[in-house]
Protein backbone atom coordinates (compact mmCIF):
# COMPACT_ATOMS: atom_id res chain seq x y z
CA MET A 1 64.81 91.32 135.54
CA GLY A 2 68.01 89.95 136.99
CA SER A 3 69.31 89.23 133.50
CA LEU A 4 68.98 92.87 132.40
CA LEU A 5 71.22 94.48 135.05
CA ARG A 6 74.84 93.36 135.07
CA GLU A 7 77.67 94.21 137.38
CA MET A 8 80.12 96.76 135.96
CA THR A 9 83.08 94.42 135.54
CA ASP A 10 86.33 95.08 133.67
CA GLU A 11 84.84 93.88 130.37
CA TYR A 12 82.52 96.92 130.38
CA GLN A 13 85.10 99.58 131.18
CA GLU A 14 84.74 101.21 127.75
CA TYR A 15 81.21 102.24 128.76
CA LEU A 16 82.65 104.57 131.39
CA ARG A 17 83.94 107.04 128.77
CA ASP A 18 83.11 108.85 125.56
CA GLU A 19 85.04 110.92 122.99
CA SER A 20 85.55 113.69 125.55
CA HIS A 21 88.25 111.37 127.00
CA THR A 22 86.79 111.78 130.48
CA VAL A 23 86.16 108.66 132.56
CA GLY A 24 83.32 108.08 135.00
CA TRP A 25 82.15 105.30 137.29
CA ALA A 26 79.11 103.06 137.63
CA GLU A 27 78.07 99.98 139.54
CA GLN A 28 75.82 98.30 136.96
CA ILE A 29 75.05 98.27 133.24
CA ALA A 30 72.13 97.15 131.08
CA PHE A 31 71.72 96.53 127.34
CA PRO A 32 67.97 96.62 126.60
CA ARG A 33 66.79 95.70 123.11
CA THR A 34 63.14 96.75 123.35
CA GLU A 35 61.12 99.59 124.83
CA GLU A 36 59.65 97.18 127.39
CA GLU A 37 63.13 96.25 128.57
CA VAL A 38 64.00 99.97 128.88
CA ARG A 39 60.87 100.41 131.01
CA GLN A 40 61.88 97.51 133.26
CA VAL A 41 65.42 98.79 133.81
CA LEU A 42 64.39 102.39 134.50
CA ARG A 43 61.57 101.33 136.79
CA GLN A 44 63.90 99.11 138.83
CA ALA A 45 66.48 101.91 139.11
CA TRP A 46 63.67 104.31 140.13
CA GLU A 47 62.49 102.01 142.89
CA ARG A 48 66.06 101.64 144.22
CA ASP A 49 66.94 105.35 143.81
CA LEU A 50 69.80 104.52 141.46
CA PRO A 51 71.14 107.21 139.09
CA VAL A 52 70.88 106.28 135.40
CA THR A 53 73.08 107.44 132.53
CA LEU A 54 71.81 106.80 128.99
CA GLN A 55 74.27 105.95 126.23
CA GLY A 56 74.26 105.42 122.48
CA GLY A 57 77.38 105.40 120.33
CA ARG A 58 79.45 107.32 122.94
CA THR A 59 80.71 109.67 120.21
CA GLY A 60 79.87 112.85 122.13
CA ILE A 61 82.57 115.23 123.34
CA SER A 62 80.68 116.86 126.22
CA ALA A 63 80.72 113.87 128.61
CA GLY A 64 76.92 113.62 128.53
CA CYS A 65 77.00 109.82 128.54
CA VAL A 66 79.86 109.49 131.05
CA PRO A 67 78.26 108.04 134.21
CA HIS A 68 78.57 109.50 137.69
CA GLY A 69 77.57 106.37 139.59
CA GLY A 70 74.57 104.06 139.45
CA VAL A 71 73.49 102.32 136.25
CA VAL A 72 74.60 102.75 132.64
CA VAL A 73 71.77 102.01 130.21
CA SER A 74 73.28 101.44 126.78
CA LEU A 75 70.74 101.73 123.97
CA ALA A 76 73.34 100.67 121.40
CA ARG A 77 71.69 97.27 120.87
CA MET A 78 68.35 98.80 119.90
CA THR A 79 69.25 98.79 116.21
CA ARG A 80 66.09 97.99 114.28
CA ALA A 81 64.13 100.01 111.79
CA GLU A 82 60.52 99.49 112.84
CA GLY A 83 58.46 101.01 110.04
CA CYS A 84 58.08 103.44 107.15
CA ARG A 85 55.63 106.24 106.40
CA ALA A 86 54.79 108.06 103.17
CA LEU A 87 54.52 111.75 104.01
CA GLY A 88 52.16 112.64 101.16
CA ASP A 89 54.51 115.09 99.42
CA GLY A 90 56.75 112.55 97.75
CA ARG A 91 58.94 112.21 100.83
CA PHE A 92 59.26 109.35 103.29
CA SER A 93 60.16 108.78 106.93
CA PHE A 94 61.38 105.77 108.89
CA LEU A 95 60.72 104.68 112.46
CA VAL A 96 64.01 103.63 114.05
CA GLN A 97 65.22 102.51 117.44
CA PRO A 98 67.72 104.85 119.13
CA GLY A 99 70.76 102.62 118.65
CA VAL A 100 70.64 102.74 114.83
CA VAL A 101 74.04 104.02 113.70
CA LEU A 102 74.01 106.98 111.32
CA SER A 103 76.37 105.39 108.79
CA GLU A 104 74.34 102.16 108.74
CA PHE A 105 71.09 104.06 108.30
CA GLY A 106 72.68 105.92 105.39
CA LYS A 107 73.55 102.60 103.75
CA TRP A 108 70.00 101.31 104.19
CA VAL A 109 68.59 104.46 102.61
CA GLU A 110 71.06 104.52 99.73
CA SER A 111 70.68 100.83 98.89
CA LYS A 112 66.94 100.81 99.71
CA ARG A 113 67.47 97.64 101.71
CA PHE A 114 65.78 97.56 105.10
CA ASP A 115 65.01 94.57 107.29
CA THR A 116 61.19 94.74 107.21
CA ARG A 117 60.45 91.78 109.48
CA GLY A 118 57.62 92.62 111.86
CA TRP A 119 56.45 95.71 109.94
CA ASP A 120 52.70 96.28 109.60
CA GLY A 121 50.88 96.48 106.26
CA GLU A 122 50.87 100.27 106.15
CA SER A 123 54.63 100.41 106.64
CA LEU A 124 55.24 97.76 103.99
CA ALA A 125 53.09 99.66 101.49
CA ALA A 126 54.96 102.90 102.21
CA TYR A 127 58.29 101.08 101.91
CA GLY A 128 57.26 99.79 98.49
CA GLY A 129 56.63 103.37 97.41
CA PHE A 130 60.01 104.40 98.79
CA CYS A 131 61.76 101.67 96.82
CA ARG A 132 60.07 102.80 93.60
CA SER A 133 60.92 106.48 94.16
CA GLY A 134 64.08 108.49 93.60
CA GLU A 135 67.09 108.96 95.85
CA PHE A 136 66.82 110.34 99.39
CA PHE A 137 69.08 111.15 102.32
CA PHE A 138 68.98 112.06 106.01
CA THR A 139 70.51 115.52 106.22
CA PRO A 140 72.21 115.76 109.67
CA ASP A 141 75.91 115.02 109.18
CA PRO A 142 77.97 115.13 112.37
CA THR A 143 81.66 114.35 111.94
CA GLU A 144 81.27 111.05 113.78
CA ARG A 145 79.32 108.85 111.38
CA SER A 146 79.31 106.18 114.09
CA ALA A 147 76.90 108.33 116.13
CA CYS A 148 73.56 106.72 117.00
CA ILE A 149 70.38 108.45 115.90
CA GLY A 150 69.06 108.45 119.47
CA GLY A 151 72.15 110.29 120.66
CA MET A 152 71.86 112.73 117.78
CA ALA A 153 68.31 113.55 118.88
CA ALA A 154 69.35 113.79 122.53
CA CYS A 155 71.90 116.50 121.71
CA ASN A 156 70.20 117.94 118.58
CA ALA A 157 73.32 117.16 116.54
CA SER A 158 74.02 118.99 113.32
CA GLY A 159 77.18 119.20 111.19
CA ALA A 160 78.30 121.07 108.12
CA ARG A 161 75.08 120.72 106.11
CA SER A 162 72.97 122.14 108.93
CA TYR A 163 73.76 125.53 107.39
CA LEU A 164 71.16 124.72 104.72
CA TYR A 165 69.05 121.92 106.20
CA GLY A 166 69.05 122.71 109.91
CA PRO A 167 70.04 120.44 112.82
CA THR A 168 68.45 117.12 113.79
CA ARG A 169 65.36 118.66 115.46
CA PRO A 170 63.23 119.57 112.40
CA HIS A 171 63.88 116.16 110.85
CA ILE A 172 62.33 114.24 113.78
CA LEU A 173 58.59 113.84 113.14
CA SER A 174 57.57 111.68 116.09
CA LEU A 175 59.10 109.96 119.08
CA ARG A 176 58.45 107.58 121.91
CA ALA A 177 60.04 108.14 125.31
CA VAL A 178 60.22 106.29 128.64
CA LEU A 179 60.29 108.34 131.83
CA MET A 180 62.47 107.41 134.78
CA ASP A 181 59.50 105.83 136.61
CA GLY A 182 58.61 103.66 133.61
CA ARG A 183 55.72 105.70 132.19
CA THR A 184 55.71 106.21 128.43
CA VAL A 185 55.03 109.24 126.25
CA ALA A 186 54.24 109.24 122.52
CA LEU A 187 54.42 112.48 120.53
CA ARG A 188 53.97 113.45 116.90
CA ARG A 189 55.08 116.82 115.58
CA GLY A 190 52.31 119.38 115.35
CA GLU A 191 49.91 117.65 117.74
CA ARG A 192 50.76 118.79 121.29
CA PHE A 193 51.73 122.37 122.18
CA ALA A 194 52.46 124.43 125.26
CA HIS A 195 50.00 127.13 126.26
CA GLY A 196 52.27 130.11 126.51
CA LEU A 197 54.87 128.85 129.01
CA THR A 198 52.70 126.20 130.71
CA PHE A 199 52.09 122.69 129.46
CA GLU A 200 50.13 119.53 130.05
CA LEU A 201 51.54 116.37 128.51
CA PRO A 202 49.56 113.10 128.75
CA CYS A 203 51.35 109.81 129.36
CA GLU A 204 50.06 106.58 127.86
CA ASP A 205 48.85 105.33 131.25
CA GLY A 206 46.42 108.26 131.52
CA SER A 207 48.48 110.38 133.91
CA VAL A 208 49.37 113.94 132.91
CA LEU A 209 52.65 115.83 133.29
CA LYS A 210 52.04 119.48 134.15
CA GLY A 211 54.72 122.14 134.32
CA THR A 212 56.09 125.54 133.40
CA LEU A 213 58.78 126.27 130.84
CA PRO A 214 61.80 128.44 131.68
CA THR A 215 61.40 132.13 130.92
CA TYR A 216 64.70 132.67 129.13
CA THR A 217 64.82 133.73 125.49
CA MET A 218 66.98 131.47 123.36
CA PRO A 219 69.70 133.27 121.38
CA PRO A 220 69.11 133.96 117.66
CA THR A 221 71.94 131.60 116.73
CA LYS A 222 72.64 127.94 116.22
CA ASN A 223 72.01 126.67 119.75
CA THR A 224 71.96 123.50 121.89
CA SER A 225 72.42 125.29 125.21
CA GLY A 226 69.97 123.78 127.69
CA TYR A 227 66.32 122.91 127.14
CA TYR A 228 64.60 124.17 124.00
CA CYS A 229 61.89 126.45 125.40
CA ALA A 230 59.60 129.01 123.78
CA PRO A 231 56.01 130.16 124.25
CA ASP A 232 53.45 127.87 122.57
CA MET A 233 56.21 125.47 121.47
CA ASP A 234 55.69 121.97 120.13
CA LEU A 235 56.24 119.83 123.24
CA MET A 236 58.10 117.22 121.21
CA ASP A 237 60.99 119.68 121.07
CA LEU A 238 61.49 119.49 124.84
CA PHE A 239 62.93 116.00 124.41
CA ILE A 240 65.16 116.80 121.43
CA GLY A 241 68.36 118.29 122.78
CA SER A 242 67.51 117.44 126.41
CA ASP A 243 70.88 115.74 126.94
CA GLY A 244 69.48 112.50 128.37
CA THR A 245 67.93 114.25 131.39
CA LEU A 246 64.16 113.97 130.81
CA ALA A 247 63.51 110.50 129.35
CA ALA A 248 64.96 107.63 127.34
CA LEU A 249 64.09 107.96 123.66
CA THR A 250 63.02 104.51 122.44
CA GLN A 251 61.74 105.27 118.94
CA LEU A 252 62.30 108.15 116.52
CA GLU A 253 60.65 108.92 113.23
CA VAL A 254 63.25 110.50 110.96
CA ALA A 255 62.33 112.32 107.76
CA LEU A 256 64.32 112.00 104.54
CA VAL A 257 64.71 114.64 101.84
CA PRO A 258 65.30 114.07 98.12
CA SER A 259 68.96 113.89 97.19
CA PRO A 260 70.08 116.80 95.00
CA ALA A 261 71.13 115.84 91.49
CA PHE A 262 74.41 117.71 91.91
CA GLN A 263 76.62 118.05 95.00
CA TRP A 264 79.75 120.07 94.29
CA CYS A 265 82.44 121.31 96.67
CA VAL A 266 85.01 124.09 96.49
CA ASN A 267 88.08 124.46 98.70
CA ALA A 268 89.30 128.07 98.54
CA TYR A 269 92.63 129.08 100.13
CA PHE A 270 93.67 132.53 101.31
CA MET A 271 96.96 134.02 102.38
CA GLU A 272 95.27 136.13 105.09
CA GLU A 273 92.46 135.28 107.50
CA ASP A 274 90.68 138.58 106.80
CA GLN A 275 90.41 137.61 103.13
CA ALA A 276 88.76 134.33 104.11
CA MET A 277 86.21 136.14 106.28
CA THR A 278 85.43 138.57 103.46
CA PHE A 279 84.78 135.60 101.18
CA VAL A 280 82.56 133.92 103.81
CA LYS A 281 80.38 137.01 104.10
CA ALA A 282 80.09 137.31 100.32
CA VAL A 283 78.98 133.69 99.99
CA ARG A 284 76.59 134.07 102.90
CA ASP A 285 75.06 137.24 101.40
CA ASP A 286 74.54 135.56 98.04
CA GLY A 287 70.90 135.21 97.07
CA GLU A 288 71.08 131.41 97.07
CA LYS A 289 72.17 129.53 100.16
CA ALA A 290 75.05 127.09 100.06
CA ALA A 291 74.64 123.68 101.70
CA ALA A 292 77.71 124.27 103.89
CA ILE A 293 80.39 126.91 104.52
CA GLU A 294 83.31 125.52 106.53
CA TYR A 295 86.49 127.22 107.77
CA PHE A 296 90.05 126.11 108.66
CA ASP A 297 92.73 128.42 110.04
CA GLY A 298 96.46 128.29 109.33
CA ASP A 299 97.20 126.08 112.34
CA ALA A 300 94.63 123.53 111.17
CA LEU A 301 96.18 123.60 107.67
CA ASP A 302 99.65 123.02 109.17
CA ILE A 303 98.31 119.90 110.89
CA LEU A 304 97.00 118.63 107.56
CA ARG A 305 100.29 119.34 105.83
CA ARG A 306 102.14 117.26 108.43
CA GLN A 307 99.66 114.43 108.31
CA ARG A 308 99.77 114.25 104.51
CA ALA A 309 103.58 114.14 104.57
CA GLU A 310 104.08 111.78 107.50
CA ASN A 311 101.03 109.52 107.85
CA PRO A 312 100.17 107.12 104.99
CA ALA A 313 96.54 107.05 106.14
CA PHE A 314 96.27 110.71 105.10
CA SER A 315 98.21 110.54 101.83
CA ALA A 316 95.01 111.03 99.81
CA LEU A 317 94.49 114.50 101.25
CA PRO A 318 94.64 117.23 98.61
CA PRO A 319 97.81 119.36 98.87
CA VAL A 320 97.60 122.61 100.84
CA PRO A 321 99.18 125.56 98.99
CA ASP A 322 102.34 127.00 100.55
CA GLY A 323 101.69 130.08 102.61
CA ALA A 324 97.93 129.54 102.93
CA ALA A 325 96.72 131.03 106.22
CA ALA A 326 93.09 129.95 105.93
CA ALA A 327 90.75 127.81 103.85
CA VAL A 328 87.02 127.98 103.24
CA CYS A 329 85.11 124.96 101.95
CA VAL A 330 81.77 125.64 100.26
CA GLU A 331 79.33 122.87 99.38
CA LEU A 332 76.63 123.48 96.76
CA HIS A 333 73.49 121.37 96.23
CA ASP A 334 71.33 121.83 93.13
CA ASP A 335 69.10 119.90 90.75
CA ASP A 336 70.01 121.86 87.59
CA ARG A 337 73.45 121.59 85.99
CA SER A 338 73.43 124.98 84.32
CA HIS A 339 72.24 126.60 87.51
CA ILE A 340 74.95 125.08 89.70
CA GLN A 341 77.54 126.03 87.09
CA ALA A 342 76.35 129.64 87.35
CA ARG A 343 76.62 129.43 91.14
CA LEU A 344 80.16 128.07 90.81
CA PHE A 345 81.06 130.97 88.52
CA ARG A 346 79.76 133.43 91.13
CA LEU A 347 81.88 131.72 93.78
CA GLY A 348 84.94 132.33 91.58
CA GLU A 349 84.10 136.02 91.34
CA GLN A 350 83.56 136.27 95.10
CA LEU A 351 86.84 134.46 95.73
CA THR A 352 88.97 136.75 93.58
CA ALA A 353 87.22 139.85 94.94
CA ALA A 354 88.19 138.73 98.45
CA GLY A 355 91.85 138.26 97.50
CA GLY A 356 91.94 134.54 96.72
CA ARG A 357 93.43 132.95 93.65
CA GLU A 358 91.64 130.49 91.40
CA GLU A 359 94.88 128.54 90.87
CA ASP A 360 94.91 127.78 94.62
CA THR A 361 91.30 126.55 94.56
CA GLN A 362 90.17 122.94 94.46
CA VAL A 363 86.83 122.16 92.80
CA ALA A 364 85.07 118.81 93.17
CA ARG A 365 82.27 117.85 90.80
CA THR A 366 82.43 114.04 90.82
CA ALA A 367 81.41 111.84 93.75
CA ALA A 368 85.02 110.69 94.21
CA ASP A 369 86.40 114.24 94.25
CA VAL A 370 83.67 115.40 96.64
CA ALA A 371 84.54 112.49 98.96
CA THR A 372 88.18 113.64 98.93
CA LEU A 373 87.28 117.16 99.99
CA LYS A 374 84.98 115.80 102.71
CA PHE A 375 87.90 113.67 103.88
CA PHE A 376 89.87 116.91 104.10
CA ARG A 377 87.06 118.42 106.19
CA HIS A 378 86.99 115.51 108.66
CA ALA A 379 90.75 114.92 108.78
CA VAL A 380 91.41 117.96 110.97
CA PRO A 381 89.40 116.86 114.05
CA GLU A 382 90.59 113.28 113.58
CA SER A 383 94.22 114.43 113.50
CA VAL A 384 93.78 116.60 116.58
CA ASN A 385 92.18 113.72 118.47
CA MET A 386 95.19 111.55 117.61
CA LEU A 387 97.57 114.26 118.84
CA ILE A 388 95.72 114.69 122.15
CA ALA A 389 95.59 110.91 122.68
CA GLN A 390 99.39 110.81 122.43
CA ARG A 391 99.83 113.71 124.85
CA LYS A 392 97.36 112.20 127.30
CA LYS A 393 99.66 109.21 127.67
CA GLN A 394 102.30 111.55 129.07
CA ASP A 395 99.93 113.60 131.25
CA PRO A 396 96.51 112.01 132.00
CA VAL A 397 94.95 115.38 132.94
CA ILE A 398 95.20 116.53 129.32
CA THR A 399 92.11 116.52 127.12
CA LYS A 400 91.24 118.50 124.02
CA LEU A 401 89.53 121.79 124.80
CA GLY A 402 87.17 122.78 122.02
CA THR A 403 84.70 125.64 121.96
CA ASP A 404 81.22 125.11 120.59
CA MET A 405 80.02 128.71 120.66
CA ALA A 406 78.10 130.68 118.05
CA VAL A 407 77.22 134.36 117.70
CA PRO A 408 74.79 136.39 115.54
CA ASP A 409 75.86 137.24 111.98
CA ASP A 410 76.91 140.78 112.79
CA ARG A 411 79.35 139.56 115.48
CA LEU A 412 81.52 137.25 113.37
CA ASP A 413 84.47 139.67 113.07
CA GLN A 414 84.19 140.51 116.77
CA VAL A 415 84.27 136.90 117.94
CA VAL A 416 87.20 136.02 115.63
CA ALA A 417 89.12 138.99 117.05
CA LEU A 418 88.24 137.79 120.58
CA TYR A 419 89.60 134.33 119.90
CA ARG A 420 92.75 135.61 118.22
CA ARG A 421 93.52 138.03 121.04
CA GLY A 422 93.06 135.37 123.70
CA LEU A 423 95.22 132.82 121.90
CA ARG A 424 97.94 135.36 121.21
CA GLU A 425 98.10 136.61 124.79
CA SER A 426 97.98 133.12 126.31
CA GLY A 427 100.58 131.53 124.03
CA LEU A 428 98.51 128.35 123.93
CA GLU A 429 98.76 125.98 120.96
CA SER A 430 95.54 125.80 118.98
CA ALA A 431 93.75 124.93 115.76
CA VAL A 432 90.50 126.55 114.65
CA TRP A 433 87.90 125.15 112.30
CA GLY A 434 84.16 124.89 112.01
CA HIS A 435 80.85 126.00 110.62
CA VAL A 436 81.64 129.60 109.81
CA GLY A 437 78.42 130.08 107.85
CA ASN A 438 76.66 129.92 111.22
CA ASN A 439 79.41 131.99 112.94
CA HIS A 440 80.17 128.76 114.79
CA LEU A 441 83.91 128.10 115.07
CA HIS A 442 85.50 125.32 117.09
CA VAL A 443 88.58 126.84 118.74
CA ASN A 444 90.60 123.82 119.80
CA ILE A 445 93.28 124.41 122.41
CA LEU A 446 95.88 121.66 122.32
CA PRO A 447 97.36 121.44 125.84
CA ARG A 448 100.98 120.36 126.13
CA ASN A 449 100.71 119.83 129.90
CA GLY A 450 98.38 120.24 132.86
CA GLU A 451 99.12 123.94 133.20
CA ASP A 452 98.10 124.56 129.57
CA TYR A 453 94.89 122.68 130.27
CA ARG A 454 94.04 124.81 133.32
CA ARG A 455 94.79 128.07 131.50
CA GLY A 456 92.74 126.92 128.53
CA LYS A 457 89.74 126.19 130.74
CA ALA A 458 89.95 129.68 132.26
CA LEU A 459 90.20 131.25 128.80
CA TYR A 460 87.10 129.36 127.66
CA ALA A 461 85.14 130.69 130.64
CA ASP A 462 86.14 134.24 129.66
CA TRP A 463 85.00 133.56 126.10
CA ALA A 464 81.68 132.15 127.34
CA ARG A 465 80.97 135.43 129.13
CA ALA A 466 81.92 137.49 126.08
CA VAL A 467 79.88 135.34 123.67
CA THR A 468 76.88 135.59 126.00
CA ASP A 469 77.26 139.39 125.96
CA MET A 470 77.21 139.25 122.16
CA GLY A 471 73.87 137.45 122.23
CA GLY A 472 75.41 134.10 121.37
CA ALA A 473 75.21 130.50 122.58
CA VAL A 474 77.85 128.66 124.64
CA SER A 475 76.90 125.32 123.05
CA SER A 476 75.78 125.13 119.45
CA GLU A 477 75.86 121.49 118.35
CA HIS A 478 77.61 119.23 120.89
CA ALA A 479 75.14 119.78 123.74
CA VAL A 480 76.18 120.80 127.25
CA GLY A 481 76.61 117.47 128.98
CA LYS A 482 78.83 117.64 132.03
CA ALA A 483 81.75 119.36 130.35
CA LYS A 484 79.98 122.69 129.71
CA ALA A 485 77.60 122.92 132.66
CA ASP A 486 79.58 125.85 134.08
CA PHE A 487 79.24 127.67 130.75
CA LEU A 488 75.47 127.13 130.77
CA GLU A 489 75.19 128.95 134.11
CA ILE A 490 77.29 131.80 132.70
CA MET A 491 74.91 132.04 129.75
CA TYR A 492 71.58 131.85 131.60
CA GLY A 493 72.39 132.75 135.22
CA PRO A 494 71.26 130.99 138.43
CA GLU A 495 67.58 131.99 138.17
CA HIS A 496 67.10 130.38 134.77
CA ILE A 497 69.13 127.33 135.84
CA ALA A 498 66.67 126.98 138.74
CA GLU A 499 63.81 127.08 136.21
CA MET A 500 65.49 124.29 134.23
CA ARG A 501 65.85 122.22 137.40
CA ALA A 502 62.14 122.70 138.11
CA LEU A 503 61.26 121.58 134.58
CA LYS A 504 63.38 118.45 134.94
CA LYS A 505 61.58 117.56 138.20
CA VAL A 506 58.28 117.33 136.32
CA PHE A 507 59.70 114.43 134.29
CA ASP A 508 62.18 113.04 136.84
CA PRO A 509 61.14 114.04 140.39
CA LYS A 510 64.02 112.19 142.04
CA GLY A 511 66.64 113.71 139.73
CA LEU A 512 68.10 110.30 138.84
CA LEU A 513 68.35 110.57 135.04
CA GLY A 514 71.48 112.06 133.48
CA GLN A 515 72.84 113.38 136.75
CA ASP A 516 75.25 116.32 136.35
CA ASN A 517 74.25 116.89 132.72
CA LEU A 518 73.33 120.57 132.17
CA PHE A 519 73.59 121.29 135.91
CA ALA A 520 74.76 119.47 139.01
CA LYS A 521 72.25 117.72 141.24
CA GLU A 522 70.80 120.11 143.82
CA GLY A 523 72.87 120.05 146.98
CA ASP A 524 76.11 119.08 145.20
């Protein structure tokens, strides 16, 4: 046991932060490689009443894996694929440890080269079928490809393609989890359900967890705000999106889907934001759903123009037309060439009807061209992160402030007007982009100093109240973590927060796991 817990020396300082650029503190750190080692570490921390913060790739931007004392348990060295399953409908799934990196998993799937050492006969037979079958992919696509699959499950990550395929949750078919006291839980989708709002969940040692789910109704939007709770729900979904507060996920079964024969992208530019929103609604109302509908405002396009002109690393970006005030990127997936061509033709009609011009539109049909437009999509947040990192050197209080809120379809125009009014009246520098198909825009305030940061935080709180009133969610894909705990209370109110605390106590009676994620420890 002594070899698993290490003192938090200077060589481990990077484990005190994540991509939120906030820094925490801890006394010890552990790097388990197996579920049994996770059990040992958590049990020891439990017996000594030490808080535990779980980590994966540390790519999150809500400070969920930033420790507030105690022990950091990094699962980043749990990187094995542990089996394969044929799902009976031509699809396949893989059992992976939580530290498997998304980009690495994608390479294994694409090349059909997995390390199968230690797999049982059933897994090897299924893997043989996978290797003889067509192409597949794992659909969740967060911007940070260095995210770990365990972390993606912990925050129910999504990305651009979640517009068509959904977030991480529906693609997790089973999981194993270790509770803070060392007990283990194994769940497979469709096997264990709540009874209304009460539940009984057996642990592998024969004990049973009994509790009551919160009574709130989740918003009818893309949502990662607090625990997933609904009457008669599949209890596996409690763990997905739980922000590292209920248990350590030690194995996940992830489902693959067949790769579409054709993946085409269109970048459409508009001289007015209203034109872009008209186009979005036309594409969304089309009878066939796009894989992704992404949005970039004029400030985001200005950032890309500067990067393309000044930074050689961004020279491959496609040019942005002069005067463009907004861009909409649409991704289409299809298995029939003539059908996707017809869909592309309809996009052209919808574009011109909204006020766009075909000569200002970029169409990608080859893999290389699609990669270029996806580089465009990811270059905006990367560029903003670089800008904030430079400003933080001058004023350490500065961090990027980015909303993660979504509203119902009929509130898109209202929420855009809300954001524009607040930015105009505040005079704060910003860039807006995001998953507009889901009415889910990331409004990024770019503080120039500490005063900008404080005013931006206050503006976000005002927006959280307004979005809640619209029936929306304050966190839609980046989880709540520590950074948005105040917003969660705005959204649900103190009574429902108390219900969430009570639910957590069923799994973690001492409140040691993921302290200050979702809500502060009682008494703080």
